[in-house]
Amino acid sequence: MMTGSIISQATASSIARIRRRPDWEMRLKGWIDRAQNERFVPGKCDCLLAMGDAVREMTDADPCARYRGQYADLEDGIKMVMRLTGVPYFVGAVSAELVMHGLEPIERNFAARGDVVMGMQRDGPTWGVVDLSGQRVVFAARDANLIWVPLSATEQAWRVGY
């Protein structure tokens, strides 16, 4: 369990974990290929929803379902996640949402292919997925559709199924 997490050990262990589909690697590759052509649009294709798309592709579970199409700018999206989770800060609110959908908080150093991670960019926190190399993370980005950063540049992680 991550140090300082707002999610208690008891709460995290009481939520059923999600399962990856048997063909999750092919599905993750397909999502990355398609996402490279997606333009960053808040509320449609931003870091949170892109991460949710990748998780949905690998597992059929969508940790961002209740946010899709519900906001048109990032500030409104941030406020919505905090309001709906009841957590007063954005990173904690997203973590709560991920745990509620069966993702298990893990130490960043244990993140592996297909896991969700959070890193900091110049605009603030961003969520992405560890790519199939297991060494890089794919993030939706305003200026480049997708960017890849080293896994070591991330701060938090969540295991996506088993």
N, C-alpha and C. Protein backbone atom coordinates (compact mmCIF):
# COMPACT_ATOMS: atom_id res chain seq x y z
N MET A 1 0.85 -1.18 0.00
CA MET A 1 0.00 0.00 0.00
C MET A 1 0.88 1.23 0.00
N MET A 2 0.49 2.25 -0.73
CA MET A 2 1.28 3.46 -0.82
C MET A 2 1.23 4.21 0.50
N THR A 3 2.35 4.78 0.87
CA THR A 3 2.42 5.60 2.06
C THR A 3 1.59 6.86 1.84
N GLY A 4 0.80 7.22 2.83
CA GLY A 4 0.03 8.45 2.75
C GLY A 4 -1.20 8.35 1.86
N SER A 5 -1.55 7.17 1.40
CA SER A 5 -2.72 7.02 0.56
C SER A 5 -3.98 7.29 1.36
N ILE A 6 -4.97 7.89 0.70
CA ILE A 6 -6.24 8.14 1.38
C ILE A 6 -7.08 6.89 1.44
N ILE A 7 -6.68 5.86 0.71
CA ILE A 7 -7.41 4.61 0.69
C ILE A 7 -6.82 3.69 1.75
N SER A 8 -7.64 3.26 2.69
CA SER A 8 -7.14 2.39 3.75
C SER A 8 -6.91 0.99 3.23
N GLN A 9 -6.07 0.26 3.90
CA GLN A 9 -5.79 -1.14 3.53
C GLN A 9 -7.10 -1.93 3.52
N ALA A 10 -7.95 -1.74 4.52
CA ALA A 10 -9.21 -2.48 4.60
C ALA A 10 -10.11 -2.15 3.43
N THR A 11 -10.20 -0.87 3.07
CA THR A 11 -11.04 -0.48 1.96
C THR A 11 -10.52 -1.08 0.66
N ALA A 12 -9.22 -0.96 0.41
CA ALA A 12 -8.65 -1.47 -0.82
C ALA A 12 -8.82 -2.98 -0.93
N SER A 13 -8.68 -3.70 0.17
CA SER A 13 -8.77 -5.15 0.10
C SER A 13 -10.22 -5.63 0.01
N SER A 14 -11.19 -4.77 0.34
CA SER A 14 -12.59 -5.19 0.28
C SER A 14 -13.20 -5.02 -1.10
N ILE A 15 -12.50 -4.38 -2.01
CA ILE A 15 -13.01 -4.15 -3.36
C ILE A 15 -12.45 -5.23 -4.27
N ALA A 16 -13.33 -5.84 -5.06
CA ALA A 16 -12.88 -6.90 -5.96
C ALA A 16 -11.95 -6.32 -7.02
N ARG A 17 -10.85 -7.00 -7.24
CA ARG A 17 -9.92 -6.57 -8.29
C ARG A 17 -10.48 -6.93 -9.65
N ILE A 18 -10.11 -6.17 -10.62
CA ILE A 18 -10.54 -6.46 -11.99
C ILE A 18 -9.57 -7.46 -12.61
N ARG A 19 -9.99 -8.05 -13.69
CA ARG A 19 -9.16 -9.02 -14.41
C ARG A 19 -8.83 -8.48 -15.79
N ARG A 20 -7.62 -8.74 -16.20
CA ARG A 20 -7.24 -8.41 -17.57
C ARG A 20 -7.78 -9.49 -18.50
N ARG A 21 -8.16 -9.09 -19.68
CA ARG A 21 -8.59 -10.05 -20.69
C ARG A 21 -7.38 -10.87 -21.13
N PRO A 22 -7.58 -12.09 -21.59
CA PRO A 22 -6.45 -12.92 -22.02
C PRO A 22 -5.60 -12.26 -23.11
N ASP A 23 -6.22 -11.46 -23.96
CA ASP A 23 -5.51 -10.79 -25.06
C ASP A 23 -5.17 -9.33 -24.74
N TRP A 24 -4.98 -9.02 -23.44
CA TRP A 24 -4.79 -7.63 -23.02
C TRP A 24 -3.59 -6.98 -23.69
N GLU A 25 -2.52 -7.72 -23.95
CA GLU A 25 -1.33 -7.11 -24.56
C GLU A 25 -1.65 -6.61 -25.98
N MET A 26 -2.34 -7.44 -26.76
CA MET A 26 -2.73 -7.03 -28.11
C MET A 26 -3.69 -5.83 -28.04
N ARG A 27 -4.58 -5.85 -27.07
CA ARG A 27 -5.53 -4.75 -26.91
C ARG A 27 -4.83 -3.46 -26.50
N LEU A 28 -3.84 -3.55 -25.59
CA LEU A 28 -3.09 -2.36 -25.20
C LEU A 28 -2.32 -1.80 -26.39
N LYS A 29 -1.68 -2.66 -27.16
CA LYS A 29 -0.97 -2.20 -28.35
C LYS A 29 -1.93 -1.51 -29.32
N GLY A 30 -3.10 -2.10 -29.52
CA GLY A 30 -4.10 -1.49 -30.40
C GLY A 30 -4.55 -0.13 -29.89
N TRP A 31 -4.76 -0.03 -28.57
CA TRP A 31 -5.17 1.26 -28.01
C TRP A 31 -4.08 2.30 -28.23
N ILE A 32 -2.82 1.94 -27.99
CA ILE A 32 -1.72 2.89 -28.19
C ILE A 32 -1.68 3.33 -29.65
N ASP A 33 -1.80 2.40 -30.58
CA ASP A 33 -1.78 2.74 -32.00
C ASP A 33 -2.90 3.71 -32.35
N ARG A 34 -4.10 3.46 -31.85
CA ARG A 34 -5.24 4.35 -32.14
C ARG A 34 -5.08 5.70 -31.45
N ALA A 35 -4.63 5.68 -30.20
CA ALA A 35 -4.54 6.92 -29.41
C ALA A 35 -3.51 7.89 -29.98
N GLN A 36 -2.56 7.39 -30.72
CA GLN A 36 -1.57 8.29 -31.33
C GLN A 36 -2.21 9.25 -32.31
N ASN A 37 -3.39 8.93 -32.78
CA ASN A 37 -4.10 9.77 -33.75
C ASN A 37 -5.20 10.61 -33.10
N GLU A 38 -5.37 10.47 -31.79
CA GLU A 38 -6.40 11.23 -31.08
C GLU A 38 -5.86 12.58 -30.64
N ARG A 39 -6.62 13.62 -30.88
CA ARG A 39 -6.26 14.95 -30.45
C ARG A 39 -6.70 15.16 -29.00
N PHE A 40 -5.89 15.82 -28.20
CA PHE A 40 -6.21 16.12 -26.80
C PHE A 40 -7.39 17.08 -26.77
N VAL A 41 -8.49 16.64 -26.17
CA VAL A 41 -9.68 17.47 -26.01
C VAL A 41 -10.23 17.20 -24.61
N PRO A 42 -10.22 18.20 -23.73
CA PRO A 42 -10.75 17.99 -22.38
C PRO A 42 -12.17 17.43 -22.41
N GLY A 43 -12.39 16.41 -21.61
CA GLY A 43 -13.70 15.79 -21.54
C GLY A 43 -13.95 14.73 -22.58
N LYS A 44 -13.07 14.63 -23.57
CA LYS A 44 -13.19 13.61 -24.61
C LYS A 44 -11.94 12.76 -24.71
N CYS A 45 -10.80 13.40 -24.77
CA CYS A 45 -9.52 12.70 -24.83
C CYS A 45 -8.49 13.52 -24.08
N ASP A 46 -8.47 13.34 -22.77
CA ASP A 46 -7.47 14.00 -21.93
C ASP A 46 -6.74 12.91 -21.16
N CYS A 47 -5.84 13.28 -20.28
CA CYS A 47 -5.02 12.25 -19.61
C CYS A 47 -5.87 11.28 -18.80
N LEU A 48 -6.88 11.75 -18.13
CA LEU A 48 -7.70 10.87 -17.31
C LEU A 48 -8.53 9.92 -18.17
N LEU A 49 -9.19 10.45 -19.18
CA LEU A 49 -10.04 9.62 -20.02
C LEU A 49 -9.22 8.68 -20.91
N ALA A 50 -8.05 9.12 -21.36
CA ALA A 50 -7.18 8.23 -22.15
C ALA A 50 -6.73 7.05 -21.30
N MET A 51 -6.33 7.32 -20.06
CA MET A 51 -5.95 6.24 -19.16
C MET A 51 -7.13 5.30 -18.96
N GLY A 52 -8.33 5.86 -18.77
CA GLY A 52 -9.53 5.04 -18.62
C GLY A 52 -9.81 4.20 -19.86
N ASP A 53 -9.57 4.78 -21.04
CA ASP A 53 -9.74 4.02 -22.28
C ASP A 53 -8.81 2.82 -22.32
N ALA A 54 -7.57 3.02 -21.91
CA ALA A 54 -6.60 1.92 -21.93
C ALA A 54 -7.01 0.82 -20.95
N VAL A 55 -7.44 1.20 -19.76
CA VAL A 55 -7.88 0.21 -18.77
C VAL A 55 -9.10 -0.53 -19.30
N ARG A 56 -10.05 0.19 -19.86
CA ARG A 56 -11.26 -0.43 -20.41
C ARG A 56 -10.90 -1.40 -21.53
N GLU A 57 -9.95 -1.02 -22.34
CA GLU A 57 -9.52 -1.88 -23.44
C GLU A 57 -8.93 -3.20 -22.92
N MET A 58 -8.15 -3.12 -21.85
CA MET A 58 -7.49 -4.32 -21.32
C MET A 58 -8.39 -5.18 -20.45
N THR A 59 -9.44 -4.57 -19.83
CA THR A 59 -10.21 -5.29 -18.80
C THR A 59 -11.72 -5.28 -19.01
N ASP A 60 -12.23 -4.42 -19.83
CA ASP A 60 -13.66 -4.16 -20.00
C ASP A 60 -14.25 -3.35 -18.84
N ALA A 61 -13.46 -2.99 -17.83
CA ALA A 61 -13.91 -2.13 -16.73
C ALA A 61 -13.46 -0.70 -17.03
N ASP A 62 -14.33 0.27 -16.85
CA ASP A 62 -14.01 1.66 -17.16
C ASP A 62 -14.00 2.52 -15.90
N PRO A 63 -12.81 2.81 -15.37
CA PRO A 63 -12.75 3.63 -14.15
C PRO A 63 -13.16 5.08 -14.36
N CYS A 64 -13.38 5.48 -15.60
CA CYS A 64 -13.75 6.87 -15.87
C CYS A 64 -15.16 7.01 -16.45
N ALA A 65 -15.95 5.96 -16.37
CA ALA A 65 -17.27 5.95 -17.01
C ALA A 65 -18.15 7.13 -16.57
N ARG A 66 -18.14 7.44 -15.30
CA ARG A 66 -19.07 8.49 -14.85
C ARG A 66 -18.60 9.91 -15.17
N TYR A 67 -17.44 10.04 -15.77
CA TYR A 67 -16.92 11.37 -16.14
C TYR A 67 -16.99 11.63 -17.65
N ARG A 68 -17.13 10.58 -18.42
CA ARG A 68 -17.10 10.72 -19.88
C ARG A 68 -18.21 11.63 -20.38
N GLY A 69 -17.82 12.62 -21.17
CA GLY A 69 -18.78 13.54 -21.75
C GLY A 69 -19.44 14.48 -20.76
N GLN A 70 -18.92 14.56 -19.55
CA GLN A 70 -19.55 15.36 -18.51
C GLN A 70 -18.87 16.70 -18.25
N TYR A 71 -17.77 16.98 -18.93
CA TYR A 71 -17.09 18.26 -18.73
C TYR A 71 -16.42 18.65 -20.04
N ALA A 72 -16.19 19.96 -20.18
CA ALA A 72 -15.61 20.46 -21.42
C ALA A 72 -14.29 21.18 -21.20
N ASP A 73 -13.90 21.39 -19.94
CA ASP A 73 -12.58 21.94 -19.68
C ASP A 73 -11.98 21.22 -18.47
N LEU A 74 -10.67 21.27 -18.39
CA LEU A 74 -9.97 20.50 -17.37
C LEU A 74 -10.34 20.91 -15.95
N GLU A 75 -10.53 22.19 -15.72
CA GLU A 75 -10.88 22.65 -14.38
C GLU A 75 -12.21 22.06 -13.93
N ASP A 76 -13.20 22.04 -14.83
CA ASP A 76 -14.49 21.44 -14.48
C ASP A 76 -14.34 19.93 -14.23
N GLY A 77 -13.49 19.27 -15.01
CA GLY A 77 -13.25 17.85 -14.81
C GLY A 77 -12.62 17.57 -13.46
N ILE A 78 -11.66 18.37 -13.08
CA ILE A 78 -11.00 18.20 -11.78
C ILE A 78 -12.02 18.37 -10.66
N LYS A 79 -12.84 19.42 -10.74
CA LYS A 79 -13.86 19.66 -9.72
C LYS A 79 -14.86 18.51 -9.66
N MET A 80 -15.23 17.97 -10.81
CA MET A 80 -16.20 16.88 -10.85
C MET A 80 -15.65 15.63 -10.16
N VAL A 81 -14.40 15.27 -10.46
CA VAL A 81 -13.81 14.09 -9.84
C VAL A 81 -13.76 14.26 -8.32
N MET A 82 -13.37 15.42 -7.86
CA MET A 82 -13.31 15.66 -6.41
C MET A 82 -14.71 15.62 -5.79
N ARG A 83 -15.67 16.23 -6.45
CA ARG A 83 -17.04 16.25 -5.91
C ARG A 83 -17.63 14.84 -5.86
N LEU A 84 -17.50 14.07 -6.93
CA LEU A 84 -18.12 12.74 -6.97
C LEU A 84 -17.44 11.72 -6.07
N THR A 85 -16.16 11.89 -5.81
CA THR A 85 -15.47 10.96 -4.91
C THR A 85 -15.53 11.44 -3.46
N GLY A 86 -15.77 12.75 -3.26
CA GLY A 86 -15.78 13.30 -1.92
C GLY A 86 -14.38 13.54 -1.36
N VAL A 87 -13.38 13.48 -2.23
CA VAL A 87 -12.00 13.69 -1.81
C VAL A 87 -11.59 15.10 -2.25
N PRO A 88 -11.09 15.93 -1.32
CA PRO A 88 -10.87 17.34 -1.61
C PRO A 88 -9.61 17.70 -2.40
N TYR A 89 -8.83 16.73 -2.83
CA TYR A 89 -7.70 17.06 -3.69
C TYR A 89 -7.64 16.07 -4.85
N PHE A 90 -7.23 16.58 -6.00
CA PHE A 90 -7.39 15.86 -7.26
C PHE A 90 -6.68 14.51 -7.29
N VAL A 91 -5.41 14.47 -6.93
CA VAL A 91 -4.66 13.21 -7.00
C VAL A 91 -5.32 12.16 -6.11
N GLY A 92 -5.72 12.54 -4.92
CA GLY A 92 -6.40 11.61 -4.03
C GLY A 92 -7.75 11.18 -4.56
N ALA A 93 -8.46 12.08 -5.21
CA ALA A 93 -9.77 11.76 -5.77
C ALA A 93 -9.63 10.74 -6.90
N VAL A 94 -8.65 10.94 -7.77
CA VAL A 94 -8.45 9.97 -8.85
C VAL A 94 -8.02 8.62 -8.27
N SER A 95 -7.16 8.64 -7.28
CA SER A 95 -6.75 7.39 -6.64
C SER A 95 -7.96 6.66 -6.06
N ALA A 96 -8.84 7.39 -5.40
CA ALA A 96 -10.05 6.79 -4.83
C ALA A 96 -10.91 6.18 -5.92
N GLU A 97 -11.04 6.86 -7.04
CA GLU A 97 -11.85 6.34 -8.16
C GLU A 97 -11.23 5.06 -8.72
N LEU A 98 -9.92 5.06 -8.87
CA LEU A 98 -9.25 3.87 -9.40
C LEU A 98 -9.44 2.68 -8.46
N VAL A 99 -9.27 2.90 -7.17
CA VAL A 99 -9.43 1.83 -6.19
C VAL A 99 -10.88 1.34 -6.18
N MET A 100 -11.81 2.27 -6.29
CA MET A 100 -13.22 1.90 -6.31
C MET A 100 -13.54 0.97 -7.50
N HIS A 101 -12.75 1.08 -8.55
CA HIS A 101 -12.95 0.24 -9.74
C HIS A 101 -12.04 -0.98 -9.75
N GLY A 102 -11.38 -1.27 -8.65
CA GLY A 102 -10.63 -2.51 -8.55
C GLY A 102 -9.16 -2.44 -8.85
N LEU A 103 -8.61 -1.24 -9.07
CA LEU A 103 -7.18 -1.12 -9.27
C LEU A 103 -6.51 -1.03 -7.90
N GLU A 104 -5.42 -1.72 -7.74
CA GLU A 104 -4.75 -1.79 -6.45
C GLU A 104 -3.57 -0.82 -6.39
N PRO A 105 -3.54 0.10 -5.42
CA PRO A 105 -2.37 0.98 -5.29
C PRO A 105 -1.12 0.14 -5.00
N ILE A 106 -0.05 0.45 -5.70
CA ILE A 106 1.23 -0.24 -5.51
C ILE A 106 2.35 0.78 -5.50
N GLU A 107 3.50 0.41 -5.02
CA GLU A 107 4.66 1.29 -5.11
C GLU A 107 5.04 1.46 -6.58
N ARG A 108 5.41 2.65 -6.94
CA ARG A 108 5.76 2.94 -8.33
C ARG A 108 6.81 1.99 -8.87
N ASN A 109 7.75 1.60 -8.05
CA ASN A 109 8.83 0.71 -8.50
C ASN A 109 8.33 -0.67 -8.91
N PHE A 110 7.10 -1.02 -8.52
CA PHE A 110 6.54 -2.32 -8.87
C PHE A 110 5.59 -2.26 -10.06
N ALA A 111 5.41 -1.08 -10.64
CA ALA A 111 4.53 -0.96 -11.80
C ALA A 111 5.11 -1.75 -12.97
N ALA A 112 4.22 -2.42 -13.70
CA ALA A 112 4.63 -3.26 -14.82
C ALA A 112 3.74 -2.94 -16.03
N ARG A 113 3.98 -3.63 -17.11
CA ARG A 113 3.24 -3.42 -18.36
C ARG A 113 1.74 -3.41 -18.10
N GLY A 114 1.07 -2.37 -18.61
CA GLY A 114 -0.38 -2.26 -18.48
C GLY A 114 -0.87 -1.62 -17.20
N ASP A 115 -0.01 -1.36 -16.25
CA ASP A 115 -0.44 -0.72 -15.01
C ASP A 115 -0.62 0.79 -15.21
N VAL A 116 -1.44 1.39 -14.38
CA VAL A 116 -1.69 2.83 -14.41
C VAL A 116 -0.68 3.53 -13.51
N VAL A 117 -0.20 4.68 -13.97
CA VAL A 117 0.71 5.48 -13.16
C VAL A 117 0.32 6.95 -13.23
N MET A 118 0.79 7.70 -12.23
CA MET A 118 0.58 9.14 -12.20
C MET A 118 1.95 9.80 -12.19
N GLY A 119 2.09 10.81 -13.01
CA GLY A 119 3.32 11.59 -13.03
C GLY A 119 2.97 13.07 -13.03
N MET A 120 3.98 13.89 -12.89
CA MET A 120 3.75 15.34 -12.89
C MET A 120 4.29 15.92 -14.20
N GLN A 121 3.49 16.73 -14.84
CA GLN A 121 3.90 17.47 -16.02
C GLN A 121 3.84 18.95 -15.68
N ARG A 122 4.19 19.78 -16.61
CA ARG A 122 4.22 21.21 -16.32
C ARG A 122 2.86 21.76 -15.91
N ASP A 123 1.78 21.12 -16.38
CA ASP A 123 0.42 21.56 -16.04
C ASP A 123 -0.13 20.91 -14.78
N GLY A 124 0.61 19.98 -14.19
CA GLY A 124 0.13 19.30 -12.99
C GLY A 124 0.14 17.80 -13.16
N PRO A 125 -0.65 17.10 -12.34
CA PRO A 125 -0.64 15.64 -12.38
C PRO A 125 -1.27 15.12 -13.67
N THR A 126 -0.77 13.98 -14.12
CA THR A 126 -1.30 13.33 -15.31
C THR A 126 -1.25 11.82 -15.12
N TRP A 127 -2.18 11.12 -15.73
CA TRP A 127 -2.27 9.67 -15.59
C TRP A 127 -2.00 9.01 -16.93
N GLY A 128 -1.32 7.88 -16.87
CA GLY A 128 -1.01 7.14 -18.08
C GLY A 128 -0.90 5.66 -17.77
N VAL A 129 -0.39 4.93 -18.76
CA VAL A 129 -0.30 3.48 -18.68
C VAL A 129 1.11 3.06 -19.07
N VAL A 130 1.66 2.09 -18.34
CA VAL A 130 2.97 1.55 -18.68
C VAL A 130 2.83 0.80 -20.00
N ASP A 131 3.69 1.12 -20.96
CA ASP A 131 3.60 0.48 -22.28
C ASP A 131 4.14 -0.95 -22.24
N LEU A 132 4.12 -1.60 -23.38
CA LEU A 132 4.51 -3.02 -23.44
C LEU A 132 5.99 -3.26 -23.21
N SER A 133 6.80 -2.22 -23.26
CA SER A 133 8.22 -2.39 -22.95
C SER A 133 8.42 -2.57 -21.44
N GLY A 134 7.47 -2.06 -20.66
CA GLY A 134 7.60 -2.10 -19.21
C GLY A 134 8.54 -1.04 -18.66
N GLN A 135 9.11 -0.23 -19.53
CA GLN A 135 10.08 0.79 -19.13
C GLN A 135 9.58 2.22 -19.32
N ARG A 136 8.53 2.36 -20.13
CA ARG A 136 8.02 3.70 -20.45
C ARG A 136 6.54 3.77 -20.14
N VAL A 137 6.07 5.01 -20.01
CA VAL A 137 4.67 5.28 -19.75
C VAL A 137 4.11 6.12 -20.89
N VAL A 138 2.89 5.81 -21.27
CA VAL A 138 2.19 6.54 -22.33
C VAL A 138 1.20 7.49 -21.65
N PHE A 139 1.33 8.79 -21.96
CA PHE A 139 0.41 9.80 -21.44
C PHE A 139 -0.24 10.53 -22.61
N ALA A 140 -1.51 10.90 -22.47
CA ALA A 140 -2.13 11.83 -23.41
C ALA A 140 -1.52 13.20 -23.14
N ALA A 141 -1.23 13.94 -24.20
CA ALA A 141 -0.58 15.24 -24.04
C ALA A 141 -1.22 16.28 -24.95
N ARG A 142 -1.28 17.48 -24.47
CA ARG A 142 -1.90 18.57 -25.24
C ARG A 142 -1.22 18.81 -26.58
N ASP A 143 0.10 18.75 -26.58
CA ASP A 143 0.85 19.17 -27.78
C ASP A 143 1.23 18.03 -28.72
N ALA A 144 1.10 16.78 -28.28
CA ALA A 144 1.65 15.70 -29.10
C ALA A 144 0.77 14.46 -29.14
N ASN A 145 -0.51 14.57 -28.85
CA ASN A 145 -1.42 13.42 -28.77
C ASN A 145 -0.98 12.48 -27.67
N LEU A 146 0.12 11.74 -27.86
CA LEU A 146 0.69 10.88 -26.82
C LEU A 146 2.15 11.23 -26.64
N ILE A 147 2.62 11.09 -25.41
CA ILE A 147 4.05 11.19 -25.15
C ILE A 147 4.47 9.98 -24.33
N TRP A 148 5.72 9.62 -24.44
CA TRP A 148 6.28 8.54 -23.65
C TRP A 148 7.32 9.14 -22.71
N VAL A 149 7.27 8.73 -21.47
CA VAL A 149 8.26 9.16 -20.49
C VAL A 149 8.77 7.91 -19.78
N PRO A 150 9.96 7.98 -19.20
CA PRO A 150 10.47 6.82 -18.47
C PRO A 150 9.59 6.51 -17.25
N LEU A 151 9.41 5.24 -16.98
CA LEU A 151 8.64 4.82 -15.82
C LEU A 151 9.21 5.44 -14.55
N SER A 152 10.51 5.63 -14.51
CA SER A 152 11.16 6.19 -13.32
C SER A 152 10.73 7.64 -13.05
N ALA A 153 10.10 8.29 -14.02
CA ALA A 153 9.67 9.69 -13.85
C ALA A 153 8.28 9.79 -13.24
N THR A 154 7.68 8.68 -12.87
CA THR A 154 6.33 8.70 -12.31
C THR A 154 6.38 8.71 -10.78
N GLU A 155 5.24 8.98 -10.16
CA GLU A 155 5.20 9.12 -8.70
C GLU A 155 4.32 8.10 -7.99
N GLN A 156 3.24 7.66 -8.63
CA GLN A 156 2.31 6.71 -8.01
C GLN A 156 1.92 5.68 -9.05
N ALA A 157 1.41 4.53 -8.57
CA ALA A 157 1.02 3.48 -9.51
C ALA A 157 -0.13 2.65 -8.94
N TRP A 158 -0.87 2.02 -9.85
CA TRP A 158 -1.97 1.15 -9.50
C TRP A 158 -1.90 -0.09 -10.38
N ARG A 159 -2.03 -1.26 -9.80
CA ARG A 159 -2.03 -2.51 -10.54
C ARG A 159 -3.37 -2.65 -11.24
N VAL A 160 -3.33 -2.96 -12.53
CA VAL A 160 -4.54 -3.16 -13.32
C VAL A 160 -4.77 -4.66 -13.45
N GLY A 161 -5.61 -5.17 -12.59
CA GLY A 161 -6.02 -6.57 -12.67
C GLY A 161 -4.90 -7.57 -12.49
N TYR A 162 -5.23 -8.76 -12.83
CA TYR A 162 -4.28 -9.87 -12.73
C TYR A 162 -4.52 -10.85 -13.83
